[in-house]
Amino acid sequence: MTGTTNEGPARARPDSRPPAAGLLQEAVRQALAAPSVHNTQPWRWRIGDDHVDLHADRDRFLPGTDPEGRDLLISCGAALHHLRVALAGAGVATHVVRLPDPEDRDHLATVRVVSGEPGPMDVALHNQLVRRHSDRRAYADGPVDAGTLDALVGAAAAEGGVLWPVLDPGRRERLLALLGDAATRQQDAPGYLAELMTWTHRYHNAHDGVPIDAVPRVSGTAVALPRRFPAGTLGPEDGCSIGAGTLLALCTRDDDTAARLRAGEATSAVLLTATHAGLASAPLSQAVEVATTRDRLRWEVLGVPEHPQLILRVGERPPGFPPLLPTPRRPLRFVMQS
């Protein structure tokens, strides 16, 4: 199965010359800022004369947390979209073939440089690559305005996703209950707690994992969302409900490998668009990592035919909250494949 981005059909560059040396490498470097489950960064890259290949890194698969491999594919899809945005920011149009090799399931995409202008949406998001961070702190009370929600829904749709804002109070409460149920069930999943410990207790100067200063500290604040990670040092947190903000369900019409990869691209587009709008954001994957809660999310909360792939949380950052520090990323040399 193959697919293309919305930049139009692939064409040979008119002068038949490859891109300037270092352009593709720099785009891959920028793509490394993409979000990933537990910041595992489960991707590998290969650079050719006029293209970049994206491969899944199965050594970073988390079977206890992500038994179906959905999180891994969504993470790689987010990196794929980040790469496209990075190239668009350099004025480069691309043509994407997803799952180009039926004999290699880990070869997820080939991104080829073509003539023409890059997509305007991708160009507009380029400056957000370095500004987007997963903000697990409390958000200010109050919903996201309708115009911004429409922009987020449109960003997902442009990447083949379907984004459902969960605005009804009853549905929201059911979703919060599902998140808590999933968190409880995962405690008994073989390997889950070991994976959580591994990726939240990295050694000093590690290039991956979730550092303690990226996780809110425990306080007397009312907690409406289950805490996935052990208490950290990030603050402040007092004065807001950590459940405040708007919850969004990212879905796809199909539920195969290609759909989950596209879900990652849609995730990246939504998060970057939220950043562009000045919103804080964070993905919440627990409800879709447990089969029973994912089914209940689809039928009992959303009531839609599409398949839930991820929950996203967006909202206004309260005044006075300090900016987040970037979480670590592996150096380029660690993610390149010969």
C-alpha atoms as a PDB file:
ATOM      1  CA  MET A   1       0.000   0.000   0.000  1.00  0.00           C
ATOM      2  CA  THR A   2       1.321   3.420  -0.855  1.00  0.00           C
ATOM      3  CA  GLY A   3       0.224   6.962  -0.289  1.00  0.00           C
ATOM      4  CA  THR A   4       1.284  10.495  -1.066  1.00  0.00           C
ATOM      5  CA  THR A   5       1.194  13.798   0.722  1.00  0.00           C
ATOM      6  CA  ASN A   6      -1.034  16.574  -0.461  1.00  0.00           C
ATOM      7  CA  GLU A   7       1.750  18.453  -2.250  1.00  0.00           C
ATOM      8  CA  GLY A   8       0.805  16.867  -5.571  1.00  0.00           C
ATOM      9  CA  PRO A   9       2.318  14.116  -7.715  1.00  0.00           C
ATOM     10  CA  ALA A  10       6.031  13.464  -7.686  1.00  0.00           C
ATOM     11  CA  ARG A  11       8.063  15.100 -10.445  1.00  0.00           C
ATOM     12  CA  ALA A  12      11.737  15.022 -11.304  1.00  0.00           C
ATOM     13  CA  ARG A  13      13.620  18.142 -10.299  1.00  0.00           C
ATOM     14  CA  PRO A  14      13.991  20.236 -13.467  1.00  0.00           C
ATOM     15  CA  ASP A  15      17.767  20.454 -13.274  1.00  0.00           C
ATOM     16  CA  SER A  16      18.140  16.804 -12.163  1.00  0.00           C
ATOM     17  CA  ARG A  17      20.538  17.907  -9.456  1.00  0.00           C
ATOM     18  CA  PRO A  18      20.264  16.527  -5.929  1.00  0.00           C
ATOM     19  CA  PRO A  19      19.451  18.844  -3.020  1.00  0.00           C
ATOM     20  CA  ALA A  20      22.256  20.900  -1.540  1.00  0.00           C
ATOM     21  CA  ALA A  21      24.608  18.890   0.630  1.00  0.00           C
ATOM     22  CA  GLY A  22      23.439  18.835   4.215  1.00  0.00           C
ATOM     23  CA  LEU A  23      19.849  19.935   3.525  1.00  0.00           C
ATOM     24  CA  LEU A  24      18.373  16.482   4.032  1.00  0.00           C
ATOM     25  CA  GLN A  25      20.561  15.839   7.043  1.00  0.00           C
ATOM     26  CA  GLU A  26      19.432  19.082   8.656  1.00  0.00           C
ATOM     27  CA  ALA A  27      15.789  18.212   7.983  1.00  0.00           C
ATOM     28  CA  VAL A  28      16.236  14.845   9.699  1.00  0.00           C
ATOM     29  CA  ARG A  29      17.887  16.580  12.638  1.00  0.00           C
ATOM     30  CA  GLN A  30      14.841  18.840  13.003  1.00  0.00           C
ATOM     31  CA  ALA A  31      12.494  15.857  12.683  1.00  0.00           C
ATOM     32  CA  LEU A  32      14.053  14.333  15.801  1.00  0.00           C
ATOM     33  CA  ALA A  33      12.034  16.835  17.859  1.00  0.00           C
ATOM     34  CA  ALA A  34       8.884  14.798  17.178  1.00  0.00           C
ATOM     35  CA  PRO A  35       7.009  13.404  20.186  1.00  0.00           C
ATOM     36  CA  SER A  36       7.204   9.678  20.882  1.00  0.00           C
ATOM     37  CA  VAL A  37       5.891   7.238  23.462  1.00  0.00           C
ATOM     38  CA  HIS A  38       8.030   7.586  26.626  1.00  0.00           C
ATOM     39  CA  ASN A  39      10.409   9.618  24.411  1.00  0.00           C
ATOM     40  CA  THR A  40      11.774   6.333  23.067  1.00  0.00           C
ATOM     41  CA  GLN A  41      12.377   7.884  19.619  1.00  0.00           C
ATOM     42  CA  PRO A  42      11.724   4.552  17.842  1.00  0.00           C
ATOM     43  CA  TRP A  43      12.986   5.516  14.404  1.00  0.00           C
ATOM     44  CA  ARG A  44      15.934   5.159  12.103  1.00  0.00           C
ATOM     45  CA  TRP A  45      16.746   7.139   8.987  1.00  0.00           C
ATOM     46  CA  ARG A  46      18.678   6.627   5.767  1.00  0.00           C
ATOM     47  CA  ILE A  47      19.596   9.563   3.513  1.00  0.00           C
ATOM     48  CA  GLY A  48      19.986   9.169  -0.254  1.00  0.00           C
ATOM     49  CA  ASP A  49      20.877  11.683  -2.946  1.00  0.00           C
ATOM     50  CA  ASP A  50      17.346  13.051  -3.228  1.00  0.00           C
ATOM     51  CA  HIS A  51      15.336  11.205  -0.611  1.00  0.00           C
ATOM     52  CA  VAL A  52      15.081  10.124   3.021  1.00  0.00           C
ATOM     53  CA  ASP A  53      13.917   6.692   4.180  1.00  0.00           C
ATOM     54  CA  LEU A  54      12.171   6.285   7.527  1.00  0.00           C
ATOM     55  CA  HIS A  55      12.407   2.934   9.328  1.00  0.00           C
ATOM     56  CA  ALA A  56      10.912   1.734  12.596  1.00  0.00           C
ATOM     57  CA  ASP A  57      13.442   0.840  15.285  1.00  0.00           C
ATOM     58  CA  ARG A  58      11.987  -2.317  16.836  1.00  0.00           C
ATOM     59  CA  ASP A  59      14.690  -2.330  19.503  1.00  0.00           C
ATOM     60  CA  ARG A  60      12.683   0.527  21.066  1.00  0.00           C
ATOM     61  CA  PHE A  61       9.337  -1.255  20.958  1.00  0.00           C
ATOM     62  CA  LEU A  62       7.531  -1.408  24.330  1.00  0.00           C
ATOM     63  CA  PRO A  63       5.503  -4.649  24.400  1.00  0.00           C
ATOM     64  CA  GLY A  64       4.194  -4.097  27.924  1.00  0.00           C
ATOM     65  CA  THR A  65       2.978  -0.565  27.241  1.00  0.00           C
ATOM     66  CA  ASP A  66       2.177  -0.845  23.547  1.00  0.00           C
ATOM     67  CA  PRO A  67       1.359  -4.503  22.785  1.00  0.00           C
ATOM     68  CA  GLU A  68      -0.077  -3.791  19.323  1.00  0.00           C
ATOM     69  CA  GLY A  69       2.749  -1.445  18.293  1.00  0.00           C
ATOM     70  CA  ARG A  70       0.306   1.428  17.746  1.00  0.00           C
ATOM     71  CA  ASP A  71       2.320   3.933  19.770  1.00  0.00           C
ATOM     72  CA  LEU A  72       5.473   3.054  17.854  1.00  0.00           C
ATOM     73  CA  LEU A  73       3.808   3.681  14.485  1.00  0.00           C
ATOM     74  CA  ILE A  74       2.187   6.908  15.656  1.00  0.00           C
ATOM     75  CA  SER A  75       5.554   8.091  16.974  1.00  0.00           C
ATOM     76  CA  CYS A  76       7.185   7.369  13.621  1.00  0.00           C
ATOM     77  CA  GLY A  77       4.315   9.057  11.798  1.00  0.00           C
ATOM     78  CA  ALA A  78       4.863  12.183  13.885  1.00  0.00           C
ATOM     79  CA  ALA A  79       8.545  12.139  12.934  1.00  0.00           C
ATOM     80  CA  LEU A  80       7.581  11.720   9.267  1.00  0.00           C
ATOM     81  CA  HIS A  81       5.370  14.814   9.413  1.00  0.00           C
ATOM     82  CA  HIS A  82       8.091  16.731  11.253  1.00  0.00           C
ATOM     83  CA  LEU A  83      10.487  15.845   8.417  1.00  0.00           C
ATOM     84  CA  ARG A  84       8.041  17.126   5.812  1.00  0.00           C
ATOM     85  CA  VAL A  85       7.581  20.354   7.766  1.00  0.00           C
ATOM     86  CA  ALA A  86      11.349  20.781   8.142  1.00  0.00           C
ATOM     87  CA  LEU A  87      11.843  20.416   4.391  1.00  0.00           C
ATOM     88  CA  ALA A  88       8.926  22.744   3.675  1.00  0.00           C
ATOM     89  CA  GLY A  89      10.557  25.346   5.898  1.00  0.00           C
ATOM     90  CA  ALA A  90      13.613  25.114   3.651  1.00  0.00           C
ATOM     91  CA  GLY A  91      11.400  25.713   0.608  1.00  0.00           C
ATOM     92  CA  VAL A  92      11.479  22.083  -0.523  1.00  0.00           C
ATOM     93  CA  ALA A  93       8.458  20.195  -1.868  1.00  0.00           C
ATOM     94  CA  THR A  94       8.194  16.474  -1.181  1.00  0.00           C
ATOM     95  CA  HIS A  95       6.451  13.345  -2.391  1.00  0.00           C
ATOM     96  CA  VAL A  96       5.863  10.628   0.203  1.00  0.00           C
ATOM     97  CA  VAL A  97       5.435   6.930  -0.441  1.00  0.00           C
ATOM     98  CA  ARG A  98       4.307   5.140   2.698  1.00  0.00           C
ATOM     99  CA  LEU A  99       5.096   1.445   3.232  1.00  0.00           C
ATOM    100  CA  PRO A 100       7.088   1.286  -0.014  1.00  0.00           C
ATOM    101  CA  ASP A 101       8.495  -2.223   0.465  1.00  0.00           C
ATOM    102  CA  PRO A 102       6.014  -5.057   1.118  1.00  0.00           C
ATOM    103  CA  GLU A 103       8.972  -7.279   2.059  1.00  0.00           C
ATOM    104  CA  ASP A 104      10.157  -4.908   4.806  1.00  0.00           C
ATOM    105  CA  ARG A 105       7.446  -3.930   7.288  1.00  0.00           C
ATOM    106  CA  ASP A 106       9.823  -1.589   9.103  1.00  0.00           C
ATOM    107  CA  HIS A 107      10.453   0.575   6.020  1.00  0.00           C
ATOM    108  CA  LEU A 108       7.660   3.001   6.796  1.00  0.00           C
ATOM    109  CA  ALA A 109       8.172   5.755   4.242  1.00  0.00           C
ATOM    110  CA  THR A 110      10.337   7.252   1.536  1.00  0.00           C
ATOM    111  CA  VAL A 111      10.285  11.053   1.331  1.00  0.00           C
ATOM    112  CA  ARG A 112      11.562  12.281  -2.022  1.00  0.00           C
ATOM    113  CA  VAL A 113      12.478  15.843  -2.956  1.00  0.00           C
ATOM    114  CA  VAL A 114      10.532  17.053  -6.008  1.00  0.00           C
ATOM    115  CA  SER A 115      10.143  20.283  -7.930  1.00  0.00           C
ATOM    116  CA  GLY A 116       7.430  22.754  -7.050  1.00  0.00           C
ATOM    117  CA  GLU A 117       6.370  24.648  -3.959  1.00  0.00           C
ATOM    118  CA  PRO A 118       5.905  22.986  -0.566  1.00  0.00           C
ATOM    119  CA  GLY A 119       2.462  22.843   0.998  1.00  0.00           C
ATOM    120  CA  PRO A 120       1.544  26.142   2.677  1.00  0.00           C
ATOM    121  CA  MET A 121       0.322  24.422   5.851  1.00  0.00           C
ATOM    122  CA  ASP A 122       3.667  22.701   6.305  1.00  0.00           C
ATOM    123  CA  VAL A 123       5.559  25.957   5.699  1.00  0.00           C
ATOM    124  CA  ALA A 124       3.437  27.758   8.292  1.00  0.00           C
ATOM    125  CA  LEU A 125       4.225  25.149  10.942  1.00  0.00           C
ATOM    126  CA  HIS A 126       7.997  25.100  10.504  1.00  0.00           C
ATOM    127  CA  ASN A 127       8.791  27.570  13.283  1.00  0.00           C
ATOM    128  CA  GLN A 128       6.782  25.469  15.728  1.00  0.00           C
ATOM    129  CA  LEU A 129       9.128  22.463  15.531  1.00  0.00           C
ATOM    130  CA  VAL A 130      11.413  23.889  18.209  1.00  0.00           C
ATOM    131  CA  ARG A 131       8.565  25.408  20.257  1.00  0.00           C
ATOM    132  CA  ARG A 132       6.340  22.365  20.713  1.00  0.00           C
ATOM    133  CA  HIS A 133       6.841  20.413  23.919  1.00  0.00           C
ATOM    134  CA  SER A 134       4.604  17.963  25.766  1.00  0.00           C
ATOM    135  CA  ASP A 135       3.300  20.000  28.698  1.00  0.00           C
ATOM    136  CA  ARG A 136       2.025  17.684  31.435  1.00  0.00           C
ATOM    137  CA  ARG A 137       1.265  20.532  33.853  1.00  0.00           C
ATOM    138  CA  ALA A 138      -2.142  21.951  34.711  1.00  0.00           C
ATOM    139  CA  TYR A 139      -3.844  24.100  32.093  1.00  0.00           C
ATOM    140  CA  ALA A 140      -5.980  27.156  32.730  1.00  0.00           C
ATOM    141  CA  ASP A 141      -9.680  26.546  33.211  1.00  0.00           C
ATOM    142  CA  GLY A 142     -11.950  27.149  30.265  1.00  0.00           C
ATOM    143  CA  PRO A 143     -12.419  25.543  26.862  1.00  0.00           C
ATOM    144  CA  VAL A 144     -10.417  26.220  23.739  1.00  0.00           C
ATOM    145  CA  ASP A 145     -12.272  28.645  21.470  1.00  0.00           C
ATOM    146  CA  ALA A 146     -14.291  27.292  18.554  1.00  0.00           C
ATOM    147  CA  GLY A 147     -12.113  28.872  15.870  1.00  0.00           C
ATOM    148  CA  THR A 148      -8.975  27.220  17.202  1.00  0.00           C
ATOM    149  CA  LEU A 149     -10.756  23.881  17.535  1.00  0.00           C
ATOM    150  CA  ASP A 150     -11.810  24.152  13.892  1.00  0.00           C
ATOM    151  CA  ALA A 151      -8.169  24.738  12.930  1.00  0.00           C
ATOM    152  CA  LEU A 152      -7.082  21.645  14.873  1.00  0.00           C
ATOM    153  CA  VAL A 153      -9.814  19.533  13.269  1.00  0.00           C
ATOM    154  CA  GLY A 154      -8.727  20.794   9.850  1.00  0.00           C
ATOM    155  CA  ALA A 155      -5.064  20.041  10.556  1.00  0.00           C
ATOM    156  CA  ALA A 156      -5.939  16.435  11.387  1.00  0.00           C
ATOM    157  CA  ALA A 157      -8.171  16.070   8.332  1.00  0.00           C
ATOM    158  CA  ALA A 158      -5.411  17.314   6.029  1.00  0.00           C
ATOM    159  CA  GLU A 159      -3.307  14.347   7.186  1.00  0.00           C
ATOM    160  CA  GLY A 160      -6.046  11.732   6.901  1.00  0.00           C
ATOM    161  CA  GLY A 161      -7.155  11.877  10.533  1.00  0.00           C
ATOM    162  CA  VAL A 162     -10.514  12.552  12.148  1.00  0.00           C
ATOM    163  CA  LEU A 163     -10.356  14.687  15.293  1.00  0.00           C
ATOM    164  CA  TRP A 164     -13.293  14.619  17.705  1.00  0.00           C
ATOM    165  CA  PRO A 165     -13.299  17.273  20.463  1.00  0.00           C
ATOM    166  CA  VAL A 166     -14.860  15.749  23.589  1.00  0.00           C
ATOM    167  CA  LEU A 167     -16.878  18.755  24.763  1.00  0.00           C
ATOM    168  CA  ASP A 168     -20.016  17.215  26.245  1.00  0.00           C
ATOM    169  CA  PRO A 169     -19.562  17.057  30.059  1.00  0.00           C
ATOM    170  CA  GLY A 170     -20.984  13.543  30.289  1.00  0.00           C
ATOM    171  CA  ARG A 171     -18.729  12.193  27.541  1.00  0.00           C
ATOM    172  CA  ARG A 172     -15.752  13.951  29.085  1.00  0.00           C
ATOM    173  CA  GLU A 173     -16.402  12.328  32.452  1.00  0.00           C
ATOM    174  CA  ARG A 174     -16.675   8.920  30.796  1.00  0.00           C
ATOM    175  CA  LEU A 175     -13.391   9.540  28.985  1.00  0.00           C
ATOM    176  CA  LEU A 176     -11.656  10.538  32.214  1.00  0.00           C
ATOM    177  CA  ALA A 177     -12.998   7.381  33.845  1.00  0.00           C
ATOM    178  CA  LEU A 178     -11.651   5.309  30.944  1.00  0.00           C
ATOM    179  CA  LEU A 179      -8.223   6.887  31.334  1.00  0.00           C
ATOM    180  CA  GLY A 180      -8.247   5.902  34.995  1.00  0.00           C
ATOM    181  CA  ASP A 181      -9.431   2.383  34.187  1.00  0.00           C
ATOM    182  CA  ALA A 182      -6.684   1.939  31.593  1.00  0.00           C
ATOM    183  CA  ALA A 183      -4.055   3.173  34.043  1.00  0.00           C
ATOM    184  CA  THR A 184      -5.237   0.637  36.620  1.00  0.00           C
ATOM    185  CA  ARG A 185      -5.295  -2.239  34.139  1.00  0.00           C
ATOM    186  CA  GLN A 186      -1.801  -1.455  32.893  1.00  0.00           C
ATOM    187  CA  GLN A 187      -0.360  -1.921  36.365  1.00  0.00           C
ATOM    188  CA  ASP A 188      -0.925  -5.661  35.921  1.00  0.00           C
ATOM    189  CA  ALA A 189       0.290  -5.882  32.315  1.00  0.00           C
ATOM    190  CA  PRO A 190       3.464  -8.010  32.048  1.00  0.00           C
ATOM    191  CA  GLY A 191       6.482  -5.778  31.632  1.00  0.00           C
ATOM    192  CA  TYR A 192       4.600  -2.484  31.908  1.00  0.00           C
ATOM    193  CA  LEU A 193       6.022  -1.277  35.213  1.00  0.00           C
ATOM    194  CA  ALA A 194       9.536  -2.326  34.225  1.00  0.00           C
ATOM    195  CA  GLU A 195       9.256  -0.302  31.003  1.00  0.00           C
ATOM    196  CA  LEU A 196       7.919   2.685  32.916  1.00  0.00           C
ATOM    197  CA  MET A 197      10.802   2.490  35.364  1.00  0.00           C
ATOM    198  CA  THR A 198      13.357   2.110  32.567  1.00  0.00           C
ATOM    199  CA  TRP A 199      12.189   5.110  30.570  1.00  0.00           C
ATOM    200  CA  THR A 200      11.571   7.470  33.504  1.00  0.00           C
ATOM    201  CA  HIS A 201      14.759   6.733  35.434  1.00  0.00           C
ATOM    202  CA  ARG A 202      17.388   7.292  32.764  1.00  0.00           C
ATOM    203  CA  TYR A 203      21.013   7.867  33.604  1.00  0.00           C
ATOM    204  CA  HIS A 204      22.379  11.403  33.808  1.00  0.00           C
ATOM    205  CA  ASN A 205      22.712  13.073  30.395  1.00  0.00           C
ATOM    206  CA  ALA A 206      20.670  10.356  28.683  1.00  0.00           C
ATOM    207  CA  HIS A 207      19.465  11.228  25.184  1.00  0.00           C
ATOM    208  CA  ASP A 208      16.029   9.649  25.544  1.00  0.00           C
ATOM    209  CA  GLY A 209      13.326   8.857  28.084  1.00  0.00           C
ATOM    210  CA  VAL A 210      11.211  11.203  30.200  1.00  0.00           C
ATOM    211  CA  PRO A 211      13.405  13.222  32.580  1.00  0.00           C
ATOM    212  CA  ILE A 212      12.224  14.146  36.049  1.00  0.00           C
ATOM    213  CA  ASP A 213      12.110  17.852  35.184  1.00  0.00           C
ATOM    214  CA  ALA A 214       9.507  17.163  32.458  1.00  0.00           C
ATOM    215  CA  VAL A 215       6.986  15.670  34.916  1.00  0.00           C
ATOM    216  CA  PRO A 216       4.911  17.782  37.355  1.00  0.00           C
ATOM    217  CA  ARG A 217       5.592  17.444  41.033  1.00  0.00           C
ATOM    218  CA  VAL A 218       2.891  16.144  43.367  1.00  0.00           C
ATOM    219  CA  SER A 219       0.891  18.817  45.168  1.00  0.00           C
ATOM    220  CA  GLY A 220      -2.483  19.270  46.805  1.00  0.00           C
ATOM    221  CA  THR A 221      -4.026  20.034  43.433  1.00  0.00           C
ATOM    222  CA  ALA A 222      -7.142  18.094  42.499  1.00  0.00           C
ATOM    223  CA  VAL A 223      -6.080  15.554  39.920  1.00  0.00           C
ATOM    224  CA  ALA A 224      -8.643  14.693  37.264  1.00  0.00           C
ATOM    225  CA  LEU A 225      -6.246  12.734  35.056  1.00  0.00           C
ATOM    226  CA  PRO A 226      -4.305   9.660  36.183  1.00  0.00           C
ATOM    227  CA  ARG A 227      -0.601  10.250  36.628  1.00  0.00           C
ATOM    228  CA  ARG A 228       1.312   8.030  34.253  1.00  0.00           C
ATOM    229  CA  PHE A 229       4.808   8.936  35.389  1.00  0.00           C
ATOM    230  CA  PRO A 230       6.304   9.053  38.882  1.00  0.00           C
ATOM    231  CA  ALA A 231       6.256  12.511  40.466  1.00  0.00           C
ATOM    232  CA  GLY A 232       8.810  14.877  39.017  1.00  0.00           C
ATOM    233  CA  THR A 233      10.138  18.341  39.766  1.00  0.00           C
ATOM    234  CA  LEU A 234       8.265  20.405  37.173  1.00  0.00           C
ATOM    235  CA  GLY A 235       6.133  23.206  38.603  1.00  0.00           C
ATOM    236  CA  PRO A 236       4.172  25.190  39.451  1.00  0.00           C
ATOM    237  CA  GLU A 237       1.041  23.138  39.683  1.00  0.00           C
ATOM    238  CA  ASP A 238      -1.065  24.626  42.490  1.00  0.00           C
ATOM    239  CA  GLY A 239      -4.231  26.531  41.684  1.00  0.00           C
ATOM    240  CA  CYS A 240      -5.420  24.571  38.646  1.00  0.00           C
ATOM    241  CA  SER A 241      -6.985  21.221  38.007  1.00  0.00           C
ATOM    242  CA  ILE A 242      -4.646  19.067  35.986  1.00  0.00           C
ATOM    243  CA  GLY A 243      -7.736  17.859  34.161  1.00  0.00           C
ATOM    244  CA  ALA A 244      -8.446  21.357  32.854  1.00  0.00           C
ATOM    245  CA  GLY A 245      -8.202  21.876  29.131  1.00  0.00           C
ATOM    246  CA  THR A 246      -9.894  20.306  26.138  1.00  0.00           C
ATOM    247  CA  LEU A 247      -9.643  16.595  25.331  1.00  0.00           C
ATOM    248  CA  LEU A 248      -9.513  15.539  21.686  1.00  0.00           C
ATOM    249  CA  ALA A 249      -9.866  12.030  20.278  1.00  0.00           C
ATOM    250  CA  LEU A 250      -7.756  11.440  17.182  1.00  0.00           C
ATOM    251  CA  CYS A 251      -9.264   8.704  15.017  1.00  0.00           C
ATOM    252  CA  THR A 252      -8.764   7.128  11.604  1.00  0.00           C
ATOM    253  CA  ARG A 253     -11.201   5.481   9.223  1.00  0.00           C
ATOM    254  CA  ASP A 254      -9.068   2.349   8.950  1.00  0.00           C
ATOM    255  CA  ASP A 255      -7.032   0.571  11.600  1.00  0.00           C
ATOM    256  CA  ASP A 256      -4.083  -0.921   9.740  1.00  0.00           C
ATOM    257  CA  THR A 257      -0.393  -0.008   9.677  1.00  0.00           C
ATOM    258  CA  ALA A 258      -0.887   2.742   7.109  1.00  0.00           C
ATOM    259  CA  ALA A 259      -3.710   4.280   9.134  1.00  0.00           C
ATOM    260  CA  ARG A 260      -1.652   4.326  12.321  1.00  0.00           C
ATOM    261  CA  LEU A 261       1.272   5.919  10.501  1.00  0.00           C
ATOM    262  CA  ARG A 262      -1.098   8.592   9.158  1.00  0.00           C
ATOM    263  CA  ALA A 263      -2.456   9.027  12.686  1.00  0.00           C
ATOM    264  CA  GLY A 264       1.056   9.995  13.736  1.00  0.00           C
ATOM    265  CA  GLU A 265       1.273  12.541  10.939  1.00  0.00           C
ATOM    266  CA  ALA A 266      -2.094  13.944  12.006  1.00  0.00           C
ATOM    267  CA  THR A 267      -0.921  14.035  15.628  1.00  0.00           C
ATOM    268  CA  SER A 268       2.101  16.094  14.648  1.00  0.00           C
ATOM    269  CA  ALA A 269      -0.044  18.459  12.576  1.00  0.00           C
ATOM    270  CA  VAL A 270      -2.516  18.994  15.430  1.00  0.00           C
ATOM    271  CA  LEU A 271       0.177  19.539  18.062  1.00  0.00           C
ATOM    272  CA  LEU A 272       2.140  21.971  15.887  1.00  0.00           C
ATOM    273  CA  THR A 273      -1.057  23.842  15.022  1.00  0.00           C
ATOM    274  CA  ALA A 274      -1.902  24.053  18.725  1.00  0.00           C
ATOM    275  CA  THR A 275       1.571  25.422  19.426  1.00  0.00           C
ATOM    276  CA  HIS A 276       1.113  27.983  16.641  1.00  0.00           C
ATOM    277  CA  ALA A 277      -2.105  29.073  18.387  1.00  0.00           C
ATOM    278  CA  GLY A 278      -0.252  29.538  21.678  1.00  0.00           C
ATOM    279  CA  LEU A 279      -1.724  26.464  23.353  1.00  0.00           C
ATOM    280  CA  ALA A 280      -0.070  23.914  25.594  1.00  0.00           C
ATOM    281  CA  SER A 281      -0.555  20.303  24.564  1.00  0.00           C
ATOM    282  CA  ALA A 282       0.221  16.717  25.497  1.00  0.00           C
ATOM    283  CA  PRO A 283      -0.701  13.278  24.132  1.00  0.00           C
ATOM    284  CA  LEU A 284      -2.513  10.743  26.338  1.00  0.00           C
ATOM    285  CA  SER A 285      -2.153   7.222  24.987  1.00  0.00           C
ATOM    286  CA  GLN A 286      -3.225   4.969  27.859  1.00  0.00           C
ATOM    287  CA  ALA A 287      -6.881   4.614  26.867  1.00  0.00           C
ATOM    288  CA  VAL A 288      -5.913   3.196  23.456  1.00  0.00           C
ATOM    289  CA  GLU A 289      -3.130   0.934  24.752  1.00  0.00           C
ATOM    290  CA  VAL A 290      -5.651  -1.349  26.493  1.00  0.00           C
ATOM    291  CA  ALA A 291      -7.968  -3.175  24.084  1.00  0.00           C
ATOM    292  CA  THR A 292     -11.057  -3.086  26.292  1.00  0.00           C
ATOM    293  CA  THR A 293     -10.837   0.618  27.092  1.00  0.00           C
ATOM    294  CA  ARG A 294     -10.127   1.435  23.450  1.00  0.00           C
ATOM    295  CA  ASP A 295     -13.321  -0.357  22.411  1.00  0.00           C
ATOM    296  CA  ARG A 296     -15.290   1.456  25.097  1.00  0.00           C
ATOM    297  CA  LEU A 297     -13.787   4.764  24.003  1.00  0.00           C
ATOM    298  CA  ARG A 298     -14.998   4.139  20.470  1.00  0.00           C
ATOM    299  CA  TRP A 299     -18.530   3.037  21.283  1.00  0.00           C
ATOM    300  CA  GLU A 300     -19.421   4.394  24.735  1.00  0.00           C
ATOM    301  CA  VAL A 301     -17.678   7.775  24.674  1.00  0.00           C
ATOM    302  CA  LEU A 302     -17.389   8.819  21.035  1.00  0.00           C
ATOM    303  CA  GLY A 303     -20.076   6.721  19.368  1.00  0.00           C
ATOM    304  CA  VAL A 304     -18.357   6.998  15.988  1.00  0.00           C
ATOM    305  CA  PRO A 305     -17.364   4.473  13.295  1.00  0.00           C
ATOM    306  CA  GLU A 306     -13.751   5.672  13.194  1.00  0.00           C
ATOM    307  CA  HIS A 307     -10.994   3.949  15.167  1.00  0.00           C
ATOM    308  CA  PRO A 308      -9.468   5.866  18.124  1.00  0.00           C
ATOM    309  CA  GLN A 309      -5.688   6.093  17.896  1.00  0.00           C
ATOM    310  CA  LEU A 310      -4.756   8.699  20.527  1.00  0.00           C
ATOM    311  CA  ILE A 311      -6.164  11.227  22.984  1.00  0.00           C
ATOM    312  CA  LEU A 312      -4.719  14.738  22.879  1.00  0.00           C
ATOM    313  CA  ARG A 313      -5.015  17.361  25.588  1.00  0.00           C
ATOM    314  CA  VAL A 314      -4.819  21.062  24.701  1.00  0.00           C
ATOM    315  CA  GLY A 315      -5.394  24.242  26.661  1.00  0.00           C
ATOM    316  CA  GLU A 316      -4.183  27.659  27.681  1.00  0.00           C
ATOM    317  CA  ARG A 317      -1.016  27.769  29.744  1.00  0.00           C
ATOM    318  CA  PRO A 318      -1.729  29.661  32.990  1.00  0.00           C
ATOM    319  CA  PRO A 319      -0.008  33.051  33.393  1.00  0.00           C
ATOM    320  CA  GLY A 320       3.316  32.838  35.149  1.00  0.00           C
ATOM    321  CA  PHE A 321       4.100  29.273  34.173  1.00  0.00           C
ATOM    322  CA  PRO A 322       7.748  29.121  33.064  1.00  0.00           C
ATOM    323  CA  PRO A 323       8.571  27.800  29.597  1.00  0.00           C
ATOM    324  CA  LEU A 324       9.421  24.126  29.330  1.00  0.00           C
ATOM    325  CA  LEU A 325      12.926  22.887  28.736  1.00  0.00           C
ATOM    326  CA  PRO A 326      13.319  20.622  25.694  1.00  0.00           C
ATOM    327  CA  THR A 327      13.383  16.932  26.532  1.00  0.00           C
ATOM    328  CA  PRO A 328      16.528  15.126  25.369  1.00  0.00           C
ATOM    329  CA  ARG A 329      16.955  13.756  21.875  1.00  0.00           C
ATOM    330  CA  ARG A 330      19.431  11.268  20.479  1.00  0.00           C
ATOM    331  CA  PRO A 331      22.186  12.777  18.333  1.00  0.00           C
ATOM    332  CA  LEU A 332      21.821  12.363  14.598  1.00  0.00           C
ATOM    333  CA  ARG A 333      24.606   9.785  14.442  1.00  0.00           C
ATOM    334  CA  PHE A 334      22.630   7.471  16.735  1.00  0.00           C
ATOM    335  CA  VAL A 335      19.553   7.344  14.496  1.00  0.00           C
ATOM    336  CA  MET A 336      21.144   6.994  11.069  1.00  0.00           C
ATOM    337  CA  GLN A 337      21.038   3.661   9.253  1.00  0.00           C
ATOM    338  CA  SER A 338      23.719   2.748   6.760  1.00  0.00           C
END
